Amino acid sequence: LATMIKNESLFGDTLCIISGFLISLLTTTANMTLALISLNRLFKVSNPNMNELIARRRSRKMALYAWCHGLVASLTLIIDWGHVTSKQSDDYICLATWDMT
């Protein structure tokens, strides 16, 4: 809120990097989780007689994969493959960017 009122980043680059990392991690993980939920439903519909224990194990593995995928994708910001920057008009929002050049 203070950053929005002053219209400048008050907390420095470290908080901007942490914020960009968390935004990237959570959005990537949420999107991967939604995709894996639909894939899990497809498996359940196509094979309704599958043992429930096997289905639970597969669900746990899918959840673990979603978090690992999000973590690996977000770690690219920390190892400097990507950059966390703020838009000129919105200095209070730090977003991840990747240069393709």
N, C-alpha and C. Protein backbone atom coordinates (compact mmCIF):
# COMPACT_ATOMS: atom_id res chain seq x y z
N LEU A 1 0.83 -1.19 0.00
CA LEU A 1 0.00 0.00 0.00
C LEU A 1 0.87 1.25 0.00
N ALA A 2 1.94 1.21 0.79
CA ALA A 2 2.83 2.37 0.85
C ALA A 2 3.49 2.61 -0.50
N THR A 3 3.84 1.53 -1.20
CA THR A 3 4.45 1.66 -2.51
C THR A 3 3.48 2.28 -3.51
N MET A 4 2.21 1.91 -3.41
CA MET A 4 1.21 2.46 -4.33
C MET A 4 0.99 3.94 -4.05
N ILE A 5 1.03 4.35 -2.81
CA ILE A 5 0.81 5.76 -2.47
C ILE A 5 1.99 6.60 -2.94
N LYS A 6 3.21 6.13 -2.69
CA LYS A 6 4.41 6.88 -3.09
C LYS A 6 4.70 6.75 -4.59
N ASN A 7 4.12 5.73 -5.24
CA ASN A 7 4.32 5.44 -6.65
C ASN A 7 5.79 5.14 -6.98
N GLU A 8 6.47 4.49 -6.03
CA GLU A 8 7.83 4.02 -6.26
C GLU A 8 8.09 2.84 -5.33
N SER A 9 9.06 2.03 -5.70
CA SER A 9 9.38 0.85 -4.90
C SER A 9 10.12 1.27 -3.64
N LEU A 10 9.53 1.03 -2.49
CA LEU A 10 10.12 1.42 -1.22
C LEU A 10 10.98 0.34 -0.60
N PHE A 11 10.84 -0.88 -1.05
CA PHE A 11 11.47 -2.00 -0.37
C PHE A 11 12.70 -2.54 -1.09
N GLY A 12 13.07 -1.98 -2.19
CA GLY A 12 14.30 -2.36 -2.86
C GLY A 12 14.18 -3.55 -3.79
N ASP A 13 15.33 -3.92 -4.35
CA ASP A 13 15.38 -4.98 -5.35
C ASP A 13 15.17 -6.37 -4.75
N THR A 14 15.59 -6.57 -3.51
CA THR A 14 15.48 -7.89 -2.90
C THR A 14 14.02 -8.31 -2.78
N LEU A 15 13.19 -7.43 -2.27
CA LEU A 15 11.77 -7.76 -2.15
C LEU A 15 11.12 -7.90 -3.52
N CYS A 16 11.59 -7.15 -4.49
CA CYS A 16 11.06 -7.27 -5.85
C CYS A 16 11.39 -8.65 -6.42
N ILE A 17 12.61 -9.14 -6.19
CA ILE A 17 13.00 -10.46 -6.67
C ILE A 17 12.19 -11.54 -5.97
N ILE A 18 12.02 -11.42 -4.66
CA ILE A 18 11.23 -12.40 -3.90
C ILE A 18 9.79 -12.39 -4.38
N SER A 19 9.24 -11.21 -4.59
CA SER A 19 7.86 -11.09 -5.06
C SER A 19 7.70 -11.70 -6.45
N GLY A 20 8.62 -11.41 -7.35
CA GLY A 20 8.57 -11.97 -8.70
C GLY A 20 8.71 -13.48 -8.69
N PHE A 21 9.60 -14.00 -7.82
CA PHE A 21 9.77 -15.44 -7.68
C PHE A 21 8.48 -16.09 -7.20
N LEU A 22 7.86 -15.52 -6.17
CA LEU A 22 6.63 -16.10 -5.63
C LEU A 22 5.47 -16.03 -6.62
N ILE A 23 5.36 -14.91 -7.34
CA ILE A 23 4.30 -14.79 -8.35
C ILE A 23 4.50 -15.85 -9.43
N SER A 24 5.74 -16.02 -9.88
CA SER A 24 6.03 -17.02 -10.91
C SER A 24 5.78 -18.43 -10.39
N LEU A 25 6.22 -18.72 -9.17
CA LEU A 25 6.03 -20.05 -8.57
C LEU A 25 4.56 -20.39 -8.42
N LEU A 26 3.79 -19.49 -7.85
CA LEU A 26 2.39 -19.79 -7.56
C LEU A 26 1.53 -19.86 -8.82
N THR A 27 1.78 -18.99 -9.79
CA THR A 27 0.97 -19.06 -11.01
C THR A 27 1.32 -20.29 -11.84
N THR A 28 2.61 -20.62 -11.92
CA THR A 28 3.01 -21.82 -12.66
C THR A 28 2.45 -23.08 -12.02
N THR A 29 2.54 -23.14 -10.69
CA THR A 29 2.04 -24.31 -9.98
C THR A 29 0.52 -24.42 -10.09
N ALA A 30 -0.18 -23.31 -10.00
CA ALA A 30 -1.64 -23.34 -10.12
C ALA A 30 -2.08 -23.81 -11.50
N ASN A 31 -1.43 -23.30 -12.53
CA ASN A 31 -1.78 -23.71 -13.90
C ASN A 31 -1.45 -25.18 -14.15
N MET A 32 -0.31 -25.63 -13.65
CA MET A 32 0.06 -27.04 -13.82
C MET A 32 -0.89 -27.94 -13.04
N THR A 33 -1.31 -27.51 -11.85
CA THR A 33 -2.25 -28.29 -11.05
C THR A 33 -3.58 -28.45 -11.77
N LEU A 34 -4.07 -27.38 -12.36
CA LEU A 34 -5.34 -27.45 -13.11
C LEU A 34 -5.22 -28.40 -14.30
N ALA A 35 -4.09 -28.35 -15.00
CA ALA A 35 -3.90 -29.26 -16.12
C ALA A 35 -3.83 -30.71 -15.66
N LEU A 36 -3.16 -30.95 -14.54
CA LEU A 36 -3.05 -32.31 -14.04
C LEU A 36 -4.35 -32.83 -13.44
N ILE A 37 -5.17 -31.95 -12.90
CA ILE A 37 -6.50 -32.37 -12.43
C ILE A 37 -7.33 -32.87 -13.61
N SER A 38 -7.29 -32.15 -14.72
CA SER A 38 -8.05 -32.61 -15.88
C SER A 38 -7.50 -33.92 -16.43
N LEU A 39 -6.19 -34.09 -16.40
CA LEU A 39 -5.60 -35.36 -16.84
C LEU A 39 -5.98 -36.50 -15.89
N ASN A 40 -6.01 -36.23 -14.61
CA ASN A 40 -6.41 -37.24 -13.63
C ASN A 40 -7.88 -37.63 -13.82
N ARG A 41 -8.73 -36.68 -14.12
CA ARG A 41 -10.14 -36.98 -14.39
C ARG A 41 -10.29 -37.83 -15.65
N LEU A 42 -9.46 -37.54 -16.64
CA LEU A 42 -9.47 -38.35 -17.86
C LEU A 42 -9.11 -39.80 -17.55
N PHE A 43 -8.07 -39.99 -16.73
CA PHE A 43 -7.70 -41.35 -16.34
C PHE A 43 -8.84 -42.03 -15.58
N LYS A 44 -9.49 -41.31 -14.70
CA LYS A 44 -10.57 -41.89 -13.89
C LYS A 44 -11.77 -42.26 -14.76
N VAL A 45 -12.10 -41.44 -15.73
CA VAL A 45 -13.24 -41.73 -16.61
C VAL A 45 -12.92 -42.88 -17.56
N SER A 46 -11.70 -42.90 -18.07
CA SER A 46 -11.36 -43.95 -19.03
C SER A 46 -11.12 -45.31 -18.37
N ASN A 47 -10.83 -45.32 -17.07
CA ASN A 47 -10.62 -46.58 -16.37
C ASN A 47 -11.29 -46.51 -14.99
N PRO A 48 -12.61 -46.63 -14.94
CA PRO A 48 -13.33 -46.43 -13.67
C PRO A 48 -13.11 -47.54 -12.65
N ASN A 49 -12.63 -48.69 -13.05
CA ASN A 49 -12.46 -49.80 -12.12
C ASN A 49 -11.07 -49.85 -11.49
N MET A 50 -10.29 -48.80 -11.67
CA MET A 50 -8.94 -48.78 -11.12
C MET A 50 -8.99 -48.77 -9.59
N ASN A 51 -8.04 -49.44 -9.00
CA ASN A 51 -7.93 -49.50 -7.55
C ASN A 51 -7.77 -48.07 -6.98
N GLU A 52 -8.48 -47.78 -5.91
CA GLU A 52 -8.45 -46.43 -5.32
C GLU A 52 -7.07 -46.08 -4.75
N LEU A 53 -6.36 -47.05 -4.24
CA LEU A 53 -5.02 -46.82 -3.70
C LEU A 53 -4.07 -46.35 -4.80
N ILE A 54 -4.16 -46.97 -5.96
CA ILE A 54 -3.32 -46.57 -7.09
C ILE A 54 -3.68 -45.16 -7.54
N ALA A 55 -4.96 -44.85 -7.56
CA ALA A 55 -5.39 -43.52 -7.96
C ALA A 55 -4.88 -42.46 -6.99
N ARG A 56 -4.90 -42.75 -5.70
CA ARG A 56 -4.38 -41.79 -4.70
C ARG A 56 -2.88 -41.58 -4.87
N ARG A 57 -2.16 -42.66 -5.10
CA ARG A 57 -0.71 -42.54 -5.31
C ARG A 57 -0.42 -41.68 -6.54
N ARG A 58 -1.16 -41.92 -7.61
CA ARG A 58 -0.96 -41.14 -8.83
C ARG A 58 -1.28 -39.67 -8.58
N SER A 59 -2.32 -39.40 -7.81
CA SER A 59 -2.68 -38.01 -7.50
C SER A 59 -1.58 -37.32 -6.70
N ARG A 60 -1.01 -38.04 -5.74
CA ARG A 60 0.09 -37.46 -4.96
C ARG A 60 1.30 -37.17 -5.84
N LYS A 61 1.61 -38.09 -6.73
CA LYS A 61 2.73 -37.88 -7.64
C LYS A 61 2.48 -36.69 -8.56
N MET A 62 1.25 -36.54 -9.01
CA MET A 62 0.92 -35.40 -9.87
C MET A 62 1.05 -34.09 -9.11
N ALA A 63 0.61 -34.06 -7.86
CA ALA A 63 0.73 -32.84 -7.05
C ALA A 63 2.20 -32.50 -6.80
N LEU A 64 2.99 -33.51 -6.51
CA LEU A 64 4.42 -33.29 -6.31
C LEU A 64 5.07 -32.78 -7.60
N TYR A 65 4.68 -33.36 -8.73
CA TYR A 65 5.22 -32.91 -10.01
C TYR A 65 4.85 -31.45 -10.28
N ALA A 66 3.62 -31.06 -9.98
CA ALA A 66 3.19 -29.68 -10.23
C ALA A 66 4.05 -28.70 -9.43
N TRP A 67 4.33 -29.01 -8.16
CA TRP A 67 5.15 -28.13 -7.33
C TRP A 67 6.60 -28.13 -7.78
N CYS A 68 7.13 -29.28 -8.16
CA CYS A 68 8.52 -29.34 -8.65
C CYS A 68 8.67 -28.57 -9.96
N HIS A 69 7.69 -28.71 -10.84
CA HIS A 69 7.71 -27.99 -12.12
C HIS A 69 7.69 -26.47 -11.88
N GLY A 70 6.82 -26.03 -10.99
CA GLY A 70 6.76 -24.60 -10.67
C GLY A 70 8.04 -24.10 -10.04
N LEU A 71 8.64 -24.91 -9.17
CA LEU A 71 9.88 -24.51 -8.51
C LEU A 71 11.03 -24.41 -9.51
N VAL A 72 11.15 -25.38 -10.39
CA VAL A 72 12.22 -25.34 -11.39
C VAL A 72 12.03 -24.15 -12.33
N ALA A 73 10.81 -23.91 -12.76
CA ALA A 73 10.56 -22.78 -13.65
C ALA A 73 10.86 -21.46 -12.96
N SER A 74 10.57 -21.37 -11.68
CA SER A 74 10.80 -20.12 -10.94
C SER A 74 12.26 -19.94 -10.55
N LEU A 75 12.97 -21.02 -10.38
CA LEU A 75 14.39 -20.91 -10.03
C LEU A 75 15.22 -20.30 -11.15
N THR A 76 14.70 -20.31 -12.36
CA THR A 76 15.42 -19.66 -13.46
C THR A 76 15.59 -18.17 -13.19
N LEU A 77 14.70 -17.60 -12.40
CA LEU A 77 14.85 -16.19 -12.03
C LEU A 77 16.01 -16.00 -11.06
N ILE A 78 16.17 -16.94 -10.16
CA ILE A 78 17.22 -16.82 -9.15
C ILE A 78 18.60 -17.04 -9.77
N ILE A 79 18.72 -17.98 -10.72
CA ILE A 79 20.03 -18.24 -11.33
C ILE A 79 20.28 -17.32 -12.52
N ASP A 80 19.46 -16.31 -12.66
CA ASP A 80 19.67 -15.21 -13.61
C ASP A 80 19.45 -15.58 -15.06
N TRP A 81 18.61 -16.57 -15.34
CA TRP A 81 18.18 -16.81 -16.72
C TRP A 81 17.07 -15.83 -17.09
N GLY A 82 16.34 -15.40 -16.10
CA GLY A 82 15.29 -14.41 -16.30
C GLY A 82 15.55 -13.23 -15.38
N HIS A 83 14.72 -12.22 -15.51
CA HIS A 83 14.89 -11.02 -14.70
C HIS A 83 13.54 -10.64 -14.10
N VAL A 84 13.61 -10.07 -12.93
CA VAL A 84 12.40 -9.54 -12.30
C VAL A 84 12.46 -8.03 -12.42
N THR A 85 11.50 -7.48 -13.13
CA THR A 85 11.49 -6.03 -13.33
C THR A 85 10.10 -5.50 -13.03
N SER A 86 10.04 -4.20 -12.89
CA SER A 86 8.74 -3.56 -12.71
C SER A 86 8.48 -2.68 -13.93
N LYS A 87 7.22 -2.58 -14.29
CA LYS A 87 6.85 -1.73 -15.41
C LYS A 87 7.03 -0.27 -15.02
N GLN A 88 7.29 0.56 -15.98
CA GLN A 88 7.48 1.98 -15.69
C GLN A 88 6.23 2.61 -15.08
N SER A 89 5.07 2.22 -15.56
CA SER A 89 3.84 2.82 -15.06
C SER A 89 3.39 2.19 -13.74
N ASP A 90 3.86 0.97 -13.46
CA ASP A 90 3.45 0.26 -12.25
C ASP A 90 4.68 -0.18 -11.46
N ASP A 91 5.35 0.71 -10.79
CA ASP A 91 6.55 0.36 -10.03
C ASP A 91 6.25 -0.53 -8.84
N TYR A 92 5.01 -0.68 -8.46
CA TYR A 92 4.68 -1.49 -7.29
C TYR A 92 4.37 -2.93 -7.64
N ILE A 93 4.51 -3.32 -8.91
CA ILE A 93 4.30 -4.70 -9.31
C ILE A 93 5.58 -5.22 -9.96
N CYS A 94 6.16 -6.24 -9.38
CA CYS A 94 7.37 -6.85 -9.93
C CYS A 94 6.99 -8.13 -10.66
N LEU A 95 7.37 -8.23 -11.92
CA LEU A 95 7.02 -9.38 -12.73
C LEU A 95 8.26 -10.01 -13.33
N ALA A 96 8.18 -11.29 -13.63
CA ALA A 96 9.30 -12.00 -14.25
C ALA A 96 9.29 -11.76 -15.75
N THR A 97 10.47 -11.54 -16.30
CA THR A 97 10.61 -11.39 -17.76
C THR A 97 11.79 -12.24 -18.22
N TRP A 98 11.66 -12.78 -19.40
CA TRP A 98 12.73 -13.55 -20.01
C TRP A 98 13.01 -12.96 -21.37
N ASP A 99 14.26 -12.56 -21.61
CA ASP A 99 14.67 -12.05 -22.92
C ASP A 99 14.91 -13.21 -23.85
N MET A 100 14.38 -13.14 -25.04
CA MET A 100 14.52 -14.23 -26.01
C MET A 100 15.64 -13.97 -27.00
N THR A 101 16.49 -13.00 -26.73
CA THR A 101 17.59 -12.70 -27.67
C THR A 101 18.86 -13.35 -27.26
